[in-house]
Amino acid sequence: MLSDEFRSESHRTRVELIEKLGCPEVDEVAHKLRLLVNQCLADIQDANRDVPARVQYADSNNSRAIKDPSQRFSDIEAELKELLIWFKGGQKPRGRDDVSAYVLSAMLGEAPFGDHLNATTSFQVDRQSISEPRGDFDVVKWDRYGVDILSADENIQQRQTEAYSDHKSAHGKALATAIHPLEIDRPKSFVEFAQANHTPKFAIHPLLKDFKRAVSNDFEAMAKLAEITLGAIAFQQKGEDTRNKTTIARWAYSDPVFALVSAMLNEVWPVQKGDPKSDLSGERRGNGTSSERRMLLDLATNLVELIQETIDRGPGFESRRFQAIRAPNTLAGRFDTDDHLVEMFALILALRAEHTAYLVVRQTVGEICDAAFELSTENSVNAAANCVSANVMTKLDYHISIRRQFLGFGSDRPRGNPLKWFGRLDPNTRYRWGKEHILLNAVFPEHHWDLDHHLGLHTELIEALSLDDEALAAWRELIAWARYSAMGSWTIVRPEL
């Protein structure tokens, strides 16, 4: 159990930092941060639920097959293979007392799984050609651009759609994106059994004998359903899970500590307060003051230390599945917790600044285009506004969505490539202009009203977006009109965040 001394000292430090950061309603903020800690602990439990430790044979380096319900993709795949053999007339799965809730969710197409395909292709896909997919999902030659199983989780689904929205072919041709339902025949007996016995939110695993009693007359249809589901799991896992350790929680949702630190910053230091100041020289002199950035990092450290102490000494984390994050290990695994947290903290601040900067530019460019359409009588200006709307704003939307994906899903390691439903969140997609924090501070907390200064920053960012010559020329013509002919008819947009 956590000692009263630790609890008291942790709370006192937290309140002092909140006060120094100038937050109103200190007790209310402290209470909200405690709720974030509780949520993080619940997320950690969920992420590690049903992840049994692998047990090796005494005389072999091979591991015993996992026979307990498990959210690992490799274990779900193994269970589906046994069920498929059974449905086809083979032996009932040995050593399994339950059918896992994860397998049932996958068969039902429930969140975070799905029963639709999101196809990004260079041609219009014939819907009939994917209405009866085979287990290997190779019914259509997808022209290498992209096909994904669309998650039934709304948050994941939105990110998947955004991720594909700016895809172009190797020749720069815009790709067609379409959603197609997988027309899967699910036996009525199976659906009724799931409705009566399946609660995916709490991962309750029905007994295999009850499952057999319910679907025994529909084994042929169940075999087809299992084959399709097995193909979907293999498709999602393909090339991404070389060590067979990926779990549903790790694949589909934000890393709990990343989510905690991000939510803490949004609560204590919202983007509207601008970029937190960093005065390293003052800190090195030891003058008793800390920079805003240093205090925010100290507050994040306080919360993570409280979580680590709870995992090490609190109830509910005694089982072996938490061994990798319990003392003498840490939440950061083999990596140093402090280094990991510093890196994560810096990443979140940078992503917030980038997301806000691109959003400000995107909305301001939209206002300039609207002003051109409404006020300008010059055909060349209207043509430039059309070109900017079609090219520049689309590119900005893409960069905004990339930041939103990283902020929404986080990463298992800032230094790594986290695995997500629509593939890897590849850090290489996160193009950085380098002056996002300057633009952020020109808008928040106090608006810098020198519009010419803003146009200069906007132009620097847009010229770094790898646009073609036509789009760049259109932007330059539009900005010249905005600077010399229309100043006063548009303003910098401070977005609602």
Protein backbone atom coordinates (compact mmCIF):
# COMPACT_ATOMS: atom_id res chain seq x y z
CA MET A 1 0.00 0.00 0.00
CA LEU A 2 1.07 3.58 -0.63
CA SER A 3 2.34 5.22 2.53
CA ASP A 4 0.52 8.25 3.92
CA GLU A 5 3.84 10.11 3.84
CA PHE A 6 4.26 9.52 0.09
CA ARG A 7 0.66 10.50 -0.65
CA SER A 8 0.94 13.70 1.37
CA GLU A 9 4.29 14.75 -0.13
CA SER A 10 3.11 13.96 -3.67
CA HIS A 11 -0.06 16.04 -3.21
CA ARG A 12 1.83 18.96 -1.62
CA THR A 13 4.35 19.08 -4.49
CA ARG A 14 1.56 18.91 -7.06
CA VAL A 15 -0.39 21.78 -5.51
CA GLU A 16 2.73 23.97 -5.24
CA LEU A 17 3.51 23.47 -8.93
CA ILE A 18 -0.09 24.22 -9.94
CA GLU A 19 0.03 27.46 -7.94
CA LYS A 20 3.37 28.52 -9.45
CA LEU A 21 2.00 27.89 -12.96
CA GLY A 22 -0.73 30.44 -12.27
CA CYS A 23 -3.72 28.13 -12.56
CA PRO A 24 -7.00 29.46 -11.13
CA GLU A 25 -9.00 27.16 -8.85
CA VAL A 26 -5.94 25.23 -7.65
CA ASP A 27 -7.92 22.59 -5.72
CA GLU A 28 -10.16 21.93 -8.71
CA VAL A 29 -7.17 21.51 -11.04
CA ALA A 30 -5.47 19.20 -8.51
CA HIS A 31 -8.64 17.10 -8.37
CA LYS A 32 -8.79 16.87 -12.18
CA LEU A 33 -5.15 15.75 -12.33
CA ARG A 34 -5.90 13.05 -9.75
CA LEU A 35 -8.73 11.85 -11.97
CA LEU A 36 -6.28 11.72 -14.90
CA VAL A 37 -4.00 9.53 -12.78
CA ASN A 38 -6.90 7.18 -12.04
CA GLN A 39 -7.76 7.04 -15.75
CA CYS A 40 -4.15 6.27 -16.63
CA LEU A 41 -4.06 3.42 -14.09
CA ALA A 42 -7.29 2.03 -15.56
CA ASP A 43 -5.82 2.30 -19.08
CA ILE A 44 -2.66 0.48 -17.98
CA GLN A 45 -4.77 -2.31 -16.52
CA ASP A 46 -6.79 -2.49 -19.73
CA ALA A 47 -3.66 -2.51 -21.89
CA ASN A 48 -2.23 -5.40 -19.87
CA ARG A 49 -5.46 -7.31 -19.38
CA ASP A 50 -5.33 -10.91 -20.59
CA VAL A 51 -1.69 -10.77 -21.64
CA PRO A 52 -0.42 -14.03 -20.14
CA ALA A 53 3.28 -14.59 -19.65
CA ARG A 54 4.78 -17.07 -22.07
CA VAL A 55 5.87 -20.30 -20.41
CA GLN A 56 8.76 -22.25 -21.93
CA TYR A 57 9.11 -26.02 -21.93
CA ALA A 58 11.73 -27.23 -19.46
CA ASP A 59 13.84 -28.96 -22.12
CA SER A 60 13.24 -26.58 -25.04
CA ASN A 61 13.52 -22.95 -26.03
CA ASN A 62 10.01 -23.15 -27.50
CA SER A 63 7.06 -21.64 -25.63
CA ARG A 64 3.90 -23.46 -24.73
CA ALA A 65 0.85 -22.41 -26.73
CA ILE A 66 -1.27 -19.79 -25.02
CA LYS A 67 -4.55 -21.43 -24.10
CA ASP A 68 -5.97 -18.63 -21.97
CA PRO A 69 -8.02 -15.79 -23.50
CA SER A 70 -5.51 -13.22 -24.68
CA GLN A 71 -5.66 -9.89 -26.52
CA ARG A 72 -2.35 -10.54 -28.30
CA PHE A 73 -2.90 -10.69 -32.04
CA SER A 74 -0.77 -13.82 -32.29
CA ASP A 75 -2.87 -15.54 -29.60
CA ILE A 76 -6.13 -14.49 -31.27
CA GLU A 77 -4.76 -15.91 -34.52
CA ALA A 78 -3.86 -19.21 -32.82
CA GLU A 79 -7.31 -19.48 -31.24
CA LEU A 80 -9.05 -18.79 -34.56
CA LYS A 81 -6.98 -21.48 -36.27
CA GLU A 82 -8.08 -24.05 -33.66
CA LEU A 83 -11.70 -22.97 -34.00
CA LEU A 84 -11.49 -23.19 -37.79
CA ILE A 85 -10.20 -26.78 -37.61
CA TRP A 86 -13.02 -27.62 -35.19
CA PHE A 87 -15.73 -26.02 -37.36
CA LYS A 88 -14.45 -27.97 -40.37
CA GLY A 89 -15.01 -31.26 -38.57
CA GLY A 90 -11.73 -31.59 -36.72
CA GLN A 91 -10.99 -31.87 -33.04
CA LYS A 92 -12.45 -29.50 -30.46
CA PRO A 93 -9.74 -27.13 -29.17
CA ARG A 94 -7.79 -28.81 -26.38
CA GLY A 95 -6.91 -26.95 -23.23
CA ARG A 96 -9.34 -24.09 -23.88
CA ASP A 97 -12.19 -23.63 -21.45
CA ASP A 98 -13.38 -20.33 -22.92
CA VAL A 99 -13.87 -18.63 -26.23
CA SER A 100 -12.20 -15.24 -25.89
CA ALA A 101 -14.19 -12.03 -26.05
CA TYR A 102 -11.56 -10.73 -28.48
CA VAL A 103 -12.25 -13.49 -31.00
CA LEU A 104 -16.00 -12.87 -30.69
CA SER A 105 -15.49 -9.12 -31.25
CA ALA A 106 -13.35 -9.80 -34.31
CA MET A 107 -15.96 -12.19 -35.75
CA LEU A 108 -18.71 -9.63 -35.11
CA GLY A 109 -16.73 -6.72 -36.58
CA GLU A 110 -17.07 -4.81 -33.30
CA ALA A 111 -14.84 -1.93 -32.24
CA PRO A 112 -11.97 -1.69 -32.43
CA PHE A 113 -12.30 -4.27 -35.25
CA GLY A 114 -14.57 -3.57 -38.20
CA ASP A 115 -16.55 -5.07 -41.07
CA HIS A 116 -15.89 -2.49 -43.80
CA LEU A 117 -12.95 -1.96 -46.12
CA ASN A 118 -11.41 1.45 -46.75
CA ALA A 119 -9.91 1.26 -50.24
CA THR A 120 -7.58 3.86 -51.72
CA THR A 121 -6.93 3.00 -55.34
CA SER A 122 -6.11 4.50 -58.70
CA PHE A 123 -9.33 3.10 -60.15
CA GLN A 124 -12.93 2.70 -59.08
CA VAL A 125 -13.28 -0.65 -57.31
CA ASP A 126 -16.08 -2.93 -58.41
CA ARG A 127 -18.10 -3.40 -55.24
CA GLN A 128 -19.09 -6.95 -56.21
CA SER A 129 -15.45 -7.96 -56.39
CA ILE A 130 -14.99 -7.41 -52.65
CA SER A 131 -18.40 -8.50 -51.41
CA GLU A 132 -17.17 -12.04 -50.73
CA PRO A 133 -13.58 -11.71 -49.54
CA ARG A 134 -11.35 -14.72 -49.14
CA GLY A 135 -9.34 -15.24 -46.00
CA ASP A 136 -6.19 -13.78 -47.55
CA PHE A 137 -7.93 -10.51 -48.62
CA ASP A 138 -6.39 -10.73 -52.10
CA VAL A 139 -9.65 -10.69 -54.06
CA VAL A 140 -8.68 -7.48 -55.83
CA LYS A 141 -5.25 -6.35 -56.99
CA TRP A 142 -5.12 -3.16 -54.96
CA ASP A 143 -2.56 -1.41 -57.15
CA ARG A 144 -0.26 -1.11 -54.10
CA TYR A 145 -1.77 2.12 -52.79
CA GLY A 146 -3.90 1.11 -49.83
CA VAL A 147 -6.65 -1.05 -48.46
CA ASP A 148 -7.45 -1.23 -44.80
CA ILE A 149 -10.10 -2.68 -42.55
CA LEU A 150 -12.08 0.31 -41.33
CA SER A 151 -12.37 0.23 -37.55
CA ALA A 152 -15.81 0.44 -35.97
CA ASP A 153 -14.30 2.76 -33.35
CA GLU A 154 -15.27 6.30 -34.41
CA ASN A 155 -12.01 7.89 -33.27
CA ILE A 156 -9.85 5.35 -35.12
CA GLN A 157 -12.14 5.49 -38.15
CA GLN A 158 -11.75 9.27 -38.43
CA ARG A 159 -7.96 8.97 -38.25
CA GLN A 160 -7.94 6.23 -40.89
CA THR A 161 -9.99 8.37 -43.27
CA GLU A 162 -7.73 11.39 -42.69
CA ALA A 163 -4.60 9.31 -43.22
CA TYR A 164 -5.74 8.29 -46.70
CA SER A 165 -7.23 11.64 -47.75
CA ASP A 166 -4.06 13.06 -49.32
CA HIS A 167 -2.74 9.92 -50.98
CA LYS A 168 -1.60 10.28 -54.57
CA SER A 169 -0.18 7.84 -57.09
CA ALA A 170 3.50 7.80 -58.06
CA HIS A 171 2.54 10.08 -60.96
CA GLY A 172 0.79 12.60 -58.70
CA LYS A 173 -2.72 11.47 -59.61
CA ALA A 174 -5.34 11.84 -56.86
CA LEU A 175 -6.52 8.45 -55.66
CA ALA A 176 -10.13 7.35 -55.22
CA THR A 177 -11.10 6.52 -51.63
CA ALA A 178 -14.21 4.48 -50.99
CA ILE A 179 -15.72 2.50 -48.12
CA HIS A 180 -17.16 -0.92 -48.92
CA PRO A 181 -19.07 -3.20 -46.54
CA LEU A 182 -17.80 -6.73 -46.14
CA GLU A 183 -20.98 -8.71 -46.70
CA ILE A 184 -20.32 -11.43 -44.16
CA ASP A 185 -22.86 -14.14 -43.34
CA ARG A 186 -23.00 -14.44 -39.56
CA PRO A 187 -25.23 -17.31 -38.41
CA LYS A 188 -28.24 -16.23 -36.38
CA SER A 189 -27.29 -18.69 -33.62
CA PHE A 190 -23.88 -17.04 -33.29
CA VAL A 191 -25.29 -13.49 -33.19
CA GLU A 192 -27.89 -14.47 -30.57
CA PHE A 193 -25.21 -16.20 -28.45
CA ALA A 194 -23.01 -13.11 -28.60
CA GLN A 195 -25.87 -10.81 -27.66
CA ALA A 196 -26.63 -12.93 -24.60
CA ASN A 197 -23.08 -13.70 -23.43
CA HIS A 198 -20.66 -11.17 -24.91
CA THR A 199 -19.64 -7.92 -23.18
CA PRO A 200 -16.56 -6.68 -25.06
CA LYS A 201 -16.05 -3.61 -22.83
CA PHE A 202 -15.26 -5.83 -19.84
CA ALA A 203 -13.72 -8.72 -21.84
CA ILE A 204 -15.88 -11.42 -20.27
CA HIS A 205 -15.06 -14.73 -21.92
CA PRO A 206 -17.97 -17.20 -22.38
CA LEU A 207 -17.43 -20.91 -21.77
CA LEU A 208 -16.52 -22.94 -24.85
CA LYS A 209 -19.10 -25.62 -23.98
CA ASP A 210 -21.88 -23.00 -24.03
CA PHE A 211 -20.55 -21.69 -27.33
CA LYS A 212 -20.60 -25.21 -28.79
CA ARG A 213 -24.18 -25.79 -27.63
CA ALA A 214 -25.31 -22.57 -29.33
CA VAL A 215 -23.63 -22.92 -32.76
CA SER A 216 -23.28 -26.69 -33.22
CA ASN A 217 -25.86 -26.74 -36.04
CA ASP A 218 -24.09 -23.97 -37.99
CA PHE A 219 -20.51 -25.21 -38.13
CA GLU A 220 -20.21 -24.80 -41.90
CA ALA A 221 -21.17 -21.13 -41.77
CA MET A 222 -19.00 -20.64 -38.67
CA ALA A 223 -16.02 -22.11 -40.53
CA LYS A 224 -16.44 -19.52 -43.30
CA LEU A 225 -16.79 -16.72 -40.73
CA ALA A 226 -13.68 -17.92 -38.85
CA GLU A 227 -11.71 -18.08 -42.10
CA ILE A 228 -12.60 -14.50 -43.04
CA THR A 229 -11.80 -13.27 -39.52
CA LEU A 230 -8.49 -15.13 -39.51
CA GLY A 231 -7.61 -13.47 -42.79
CA ALA A 232 -8.46 -10.06 -41.36
CA ILE A 233 -6.28 -10.62 -38.28
CA ALA A 234 -3.38 -11.84 -40.40
CA PHE A 235 -3.83 -8.86 -42.73
CA GLN A 236 -3.71 -6.37 -39.85
CA GLN A 237 -0.73 -8.14 -38.30
CA LYS A 238 1.20 -8.61 -41.55
CA GLY A 239 4.71 -7.21 -41.44
CA GLU A 240 4.00 -5.26 -38.25
CA ASP A 241 4.30 -7.77 -35.43
CA THR A 242 7.56 -9.61 -35.97
CA ARG A 243 7.87 -10.52 -32.28
CA ASN A 244 4.20 -11.51 -31.86
CA LYS A 245 3.72 -9.09 -28.96
CA THR A 246 1.25 -6.61 -30.39
CA THR A 247 -2.02 -6.42 -28.46
CA ILE A 248 -5.36 -4.89 -29.35
CA ALA A 249 -4.84 -2.09 -26.81
CA ARG A 250 -1.32 -1.33 -27.98
CA TRP A 251 -2.39 -1.37 -31.61
CA ALA A 252 -5.52 0.74 -31.39
CA TYR A 253 -5.22 3.20 -28.53
CA SER A 254 -2.90 5.82 -27.11
CA ASP A 255 -0.07 4.84 -24.80
CA PRO A 256 -1.53 5.51 -21.30
CA VAL A 257 1.37 7.69 -20.09
CA PHE A 258 1.40 9.68 -23.36
CA ALA A 259 -2.34 10.28 -22.95
CA LEU A 260 -1.82 11.32 -19.31
CA VAL A 261 0.91 13.88 -20.05
CA SER A 262 -1.00 15.26 -23.04
CA ALA A 263 -4.21 15.65 -21.00
CA MET A 264 -2.25 17.22 -18.11
CA LEU A 265 -0.80 19.86 -20.44
CA ASN A 266 -4.22 20.60 -21.91
CA GLU A 267 -5.58 21.12 -18.40
CA VAL A 268 -2.73 23.12 -16.86
CA TRP A 269 -1.20 24.82 -19.90
CA PRO A 270 -3.68 24.96 -22.80
CA VAL A 271 -2.34 25.97 -26.20
CA GLN A 272 -3.99 29.38 -25.84
CA LYS A 273 -1.30 30.27 -23.26
CA GLY A 274 1.36 30.03 -25.96
CA ASP A 275 4.63 28.13 -25.87
CA PRO A 276 5.86 27.66 -22.28
CA LYS A 277 9.08 29.59 -21.69
CA SER A 278 12.37 27.85 -21.08
CA ASP A 279 15.03 29.83 -19.17
CA LEU A 280 17.86 27.35 -18.76
CA SER A 281 20.39 30.02 -17.81
CA GLY A 282 18.29 31.07 -14.82
CA GLU A 283 17.88 27.46 -13.72
CA ARG A 284 21.61 26.79 -13.96
CA ARG A 285 22.35 29.82 -11.77
CA GLY A 286 20.20 28.29 -9.05
CA ASN A 287 18.34 31.50 -8.31
CA GLY A 288 15.35 29.70 -6.90
CA THR A 289 13.16 30.11 -9.98
CA SER A 290 12.22 27.58 -12.61
CA SER A 291 11.04 28.10 -16.15
CA GLU A 292 7.46 27.36 -17.15
CA ARG A 293 8.66 24.38 -19.17
CA ARG A 294 10.66 23.02 -16.22
CA MET A 295 7.68 23.30 -13.85
CA LEU A 296 5.40 21.55 -16.35
CA LEU A 297 7.91 18.72 -16.70
CA ASP A 298 8.18 18.50 -12.89
CA LEU A 299 4.38 18.23 -12.69
CA ALA A 300 4.35 15.45 -15.29
CA THR A 301 7.10 13.67 -13.35
CA ASN A 302 5.07 13.98 -10.15
CA LEU A 303 2.07 12.29 -11.79
CA VAL A 304 4.16 9.51 -13.33
CA GLU A 305 5.92 8.85 -10.01
CA LEU A 306 2.51 8.55 -8.32
CA ILE A 307 1.43 6.04 -10.96
CA GLN A 308 4.67 4.06 -10.65
CA GLU A 309 4.35 3.92 -6.84
CA THR A 310 0.74 2.72 -7.20
CA ILE A 311 1.79 -0.05 -9.60
CA ASP A 312 4.68 -1.07 -7.32
CA ARG A 313 2.75 -1.01 -4.03
CA GLY A 314 -0.96 -0.58 -4.70
CA PRO A 315 -3.63 -3.29 -5.07
CA GLY A 316 -4.61 -4.65 -8.46
CA PHE A 317 -1.13 -4.85 -10.00
CA GLU A 318 0.24 -7.96 -8.27
CA SER A 319 -0.14 -10.42 -11.16
CA ARG A 320 2.72 -11.45 -13.43
CA ARG A 321 1.31 -9.58 -16.41
CA PHE A 322 2.43 -6.31 -14.76
CA GLN A 323 5.93 -7.61 -14.04
CA ALA A 324 7.47 -5.71 -16.97
CA ILE A 325 6.38 -2.34 -15.52
CA ARG A 326 6.65 -3.11 -11.79
CA ALA A 327 9.78 -2.61 -9.65
CA PRO A 328 12.62 -3.16 -10.27
CA ASN A 329 11.36 -2.29 -13.79
CA THR A 330 9.50 0.92 -14.61
CA LEU A 331 6.68 2.16 -16.82
CA ALA A 332 9.30 2.88 -19.45
CA GLY A 333 10.44 -0.76 -19.46
CA ARG A 334 14.18 -1.14 -19.87
CA PHE A 335 14.64 2.53 -20.71
CA ASP A 336 15.35 5.17 -18.12
CA THR A 337 12.01 6.60 -17.00
CA ASP A 338 13.29 10.17 -16.67
CA ASP A 339 14.86 10.21 -20.14
CA HIS A 340 11.75 8.64 -21.64
CA LEU A 341 9.46 11.18 -19.97
CA VAL A 342 11.61 14.16 -21.00
CA GLU A 343 11.53 12.96 -24.61
CA MET A 344 7.77 12.33 -24.52
CA PHE A 345 7.08 15.72 -22.88
CA ALA A 346 9.11 17.56 -25.54
CA LEU A 347 7.37 15.60 -28.31
CA ILE A 348 3.89 16.52 -27.07
CA LEU A 349 4.75 20.22 -26.75
CA ALA A 350 6.24 20.22 -30.26
CA LEU A 351 3.24 18.42 -31.76
CA ARG A 352 0.81 20.86 -30.11
CA ALA A 353 2.75 23.84 -31.49
CA GLU A 354 2.89 22.30 -34.97
CA HIS A 355 -0.80 21.36 -34.99
CA THR A 356 -1.83 24.86 -33.88
CA ALA A 357 0.50 26.63 -36.32
CA TYR A 358 -0.79 24.67 -39.33
CA LEU A 359 -4.37 25.17 -38.15
CA VAL A 360 -3.90 28.95 -37.85
CA VAL A 361 -2.39 29.14 -41.34
CA ARG A 362 -5.04 26.89 -42.85
CA GLN A 363 -7.95 28.89 -41.46
CA THR A 364 -6.36 32.25 -42.27
CA VAL A 365 -5.65 31.14 -45.84
CA GLY A 366 -9.30 30.12 -46.07
CA GLU A 367 -10.35 33.60 -44.94
CA ILE A 368 -8.09 35.23 -47.55
CA CYS A 369 -9.55 32.97 -50.28
CA ASP A 370 -13.12 33.84 -49.18
CA ALA A 371 -12.24 37.54 -49.31
CA ALA A 372 -10.84 37.11 -52.83
CA PHE A 373 -13.95 35.32 -54.06
CA GLU A 374 -16.19 38.00 -52.54
CA LEU A 375 -14.25 41.20 -53.30
CA SER A 376 -11.89 40.72 -56.22
CA THR A 377 -12.98 41.41 -59.78
CA GLU A 378 -9.70 40.22 -61.27
CA ASN A 379 -9.92 36.82 -62.96
CA SER A 380 -6.28 36.05 -62.16
CA VAL A 381 -6.85 36.61 -58.42
CA ASN A 382 -9.94 34.39 -58.43
CA ALA A 383 -8.03 31.71 -60.33
CA ALA A 384 -5.20 31.96 -57.80
CA ALA A 385 -7.66 31.61 -54.90
CA ASN A 386 -9.15 28.51 -56.55
CA CYS A 387 -5.70 26.98 -57.02
CA VAL A 388 -4.72 27.75 -53.41
CA SER A 389 -7.97 26.23 -52.12
CA ALA A 390 -7.40 23.04 -54.11
CA ASN A 391 -3.69 22.60 -53.40
CA VAL A 392 -2.34 24.62 -50.48
CA MET A 393 -5.29 24.03 -48.15
CA THR A 394 -5.36 20.32 -48.99
CA LYS A 395 -1.68 20.04 -48.12
CA LEU A 396 -2.23 21.93 -44.86
CA ASP A 397 -5.17 19.63 -44.01
CA TYR A 398 -2.86 16.66 -44.46
CA HIS A 399 -0.25 18.06 -42.07
CA ILE A 400 -2.93 18.93 -39.52
CA SER A 401 -4.27 15.37 -39.66
CA ILE A 402 -0.77 13.93 -39.15
CA ARG A 403 -0.36 15.96 -35.94
CA ARG A 404 -3.83 15.01 -34.78
CA GLN A 405 -3.01 11.34 -35.31
CA PHE A 406 0.19 11.56 -33.28
CA LEU A 407 -1.49 13.55 -30.50
CA GLY A 408 -4.54 11.30 -30.46
CA PHE A 409 -2.75 7.97 -30.50
CA GLY A 410 0.57 8.85 -28.92
CA SER A 411 3.39 6.40 -29.25
CA ASP A 412 4.77 3.47 -27.33
CA ARG A 413 8.18 5.08 -27.59
CA PRO A 414 8.74 8.57 -29.02
CA ARG A 415 11.85 7.10 -30.61
CA GLY A 416 9.93 4.28 -32.30
CA ASN A 417 7.29 3.62 -34.95
CA PRO A 418 4.09 2.84 -33.02
CA LEU A 419 1.77 0.33 -34.64
CA LYS A 420 -1.77 1.47 -35.38
CA TRP A 421 -4.79 0.19 -37.26
CA PHE A 422 -3.96 2.08 -40.44
CA GLY A 423 -0.31 1.01 -40.38
CA ARG A 424 2.65 2.65 -38.74
CA LEU A 425 2.58 6.21 -37.45
CA ASP A 426 5.79 6.86 -39.31
CA PRO A 427 7.75 9.83 -37.86
CA ASN A 428 8.95 10.55 -41.41
CA THR A 429 5.41 11.74 -42.29
CA ARG A 430 5.76 14.47 -39.68
CA TYR A 431 7.33 17.17 -41.82
CA ARG A 432 8.57 20.04 -39.64
CA TRP A 433 8.89 23.62 -40.84
CA GLY A 434 10.95 24.51 -37.76
CA LYS A 435 9.37 27.84 -36.77
CA GLU A 436 5.97 26.62 -35.58
CA HIS A 437 6.57 27.89 -32.05
CA ILE A 438 7.26 31.41 -33.43
CA LEU A 439 3.94 31.41 -35.26
CA LEU A 440 2.15 30.00 -32.19
CA ASN A 441 3.51 32.78 -29.99
CA ALA A 442 2.48 35.39 -32.59
CA VAL A 443 -1.14 34.28 -32.10
CA PHE A 444 -1.32 33.14 -28.45
CA PRO A 445 -1.64 34.31 -25.75
CA GLU A 446 -1.76 37.86 -27.14
CA HIS A 447 -2.44 38.45 -30.83
CA HIS A 448 0.45 40.00 -32.79
CA TRP A 449 -1.55 42.38 -35.00
CA ASP A 450 1.16 43.09 -37.59
CA LEU A 451 -0.54 41.34 -40.50
CA ASP A 452 2.48 41.81 -42.73
CA HIS A 453 4.56 39.93 -40.17
CA HIS A 454 2.01 37.10 -40.22
CA LEU A 455 1.97 36.95 -44.01
CA GLY A 456 5.74 36.56 -43.95
CA LEU A 457 5.50 33.60 -41.56
CA HIS A 458 2.63 32.07 -43.56
CA THR A 459 4.60 32.39 -46.78
CA GLU A 460 7.69 30.76 -45.24
CA LEU A 461 5.63 27.80 -44.08
CA ILE A 462 3.71 27.40 -47.34
CA GLU A 463 6.84 27.65 -49.49
CA ALA A 464 8.29 24.74 -47.48
CA LEU A 465 5.33 22.41 -48.24
CA SER A 466 6.82 20.87 -51.42
CA LEU A 467 4.15 22.41 -53.65
CA ASP A 468 4.40 22.46 -57.43
CA ASP A 469 5.31 25.64 -59.32
CA GLU A 470 1.71 26.39 -60.29
CA ALA A 471 0.49 26.30 -56.65
CA LEU A 472 3.41 28.41 -55.45
CA ALA A 473 2.79 31.01 -58.16
CA ALA A 474 -0.92 31.09 -57.24
CA TRP A 475 -0.07 31.65 -53.57
CA ARG A 476 2.30 34.50 -54.38
CA GLU A 477 -0.32 36.23 -56.53
CA LEU A 478 -3.01 35.78 -53.87
CA ILE A 479 -0.77 37.04 -51.07
CA ALA A 480 0.23 40.09 -53.10
CA TRP A 481 -3.48 40.90 -53.51
CA ALA A 482 -4.09 40.33 -49.78
CA ARG A 483 -1.13 42.55 -48.81
CA TYR A 484 -1.63 45.50 -51.16
CA SER A 485 -5.27 45.52 -52.27
CA ALA A 486 -7.25 43.80 -49.52
CA MET A 487 -5.52 44.58 -46.21
CA GLY A 488 -8.33 45.08 -43.72
CA SER A 489 -10.77 42.71 -45.44
CA TRP A 490 -9.29 39.65 -43.70
CA THR A 491 -7.62 38.90 -40.37
CA ILE A 492 -5.62 36.20 -38.65
CA VAL A 493 -7.96 33.46 -37.41
CA ARG A 494 -7.48 32.35 -33.81
CA PRO A 495 -8.98 28.84 -33.96
CA GLU A 496 -11.14 27.29 -31.27
CA LEU A 497 -8.97 24.54 -29.77
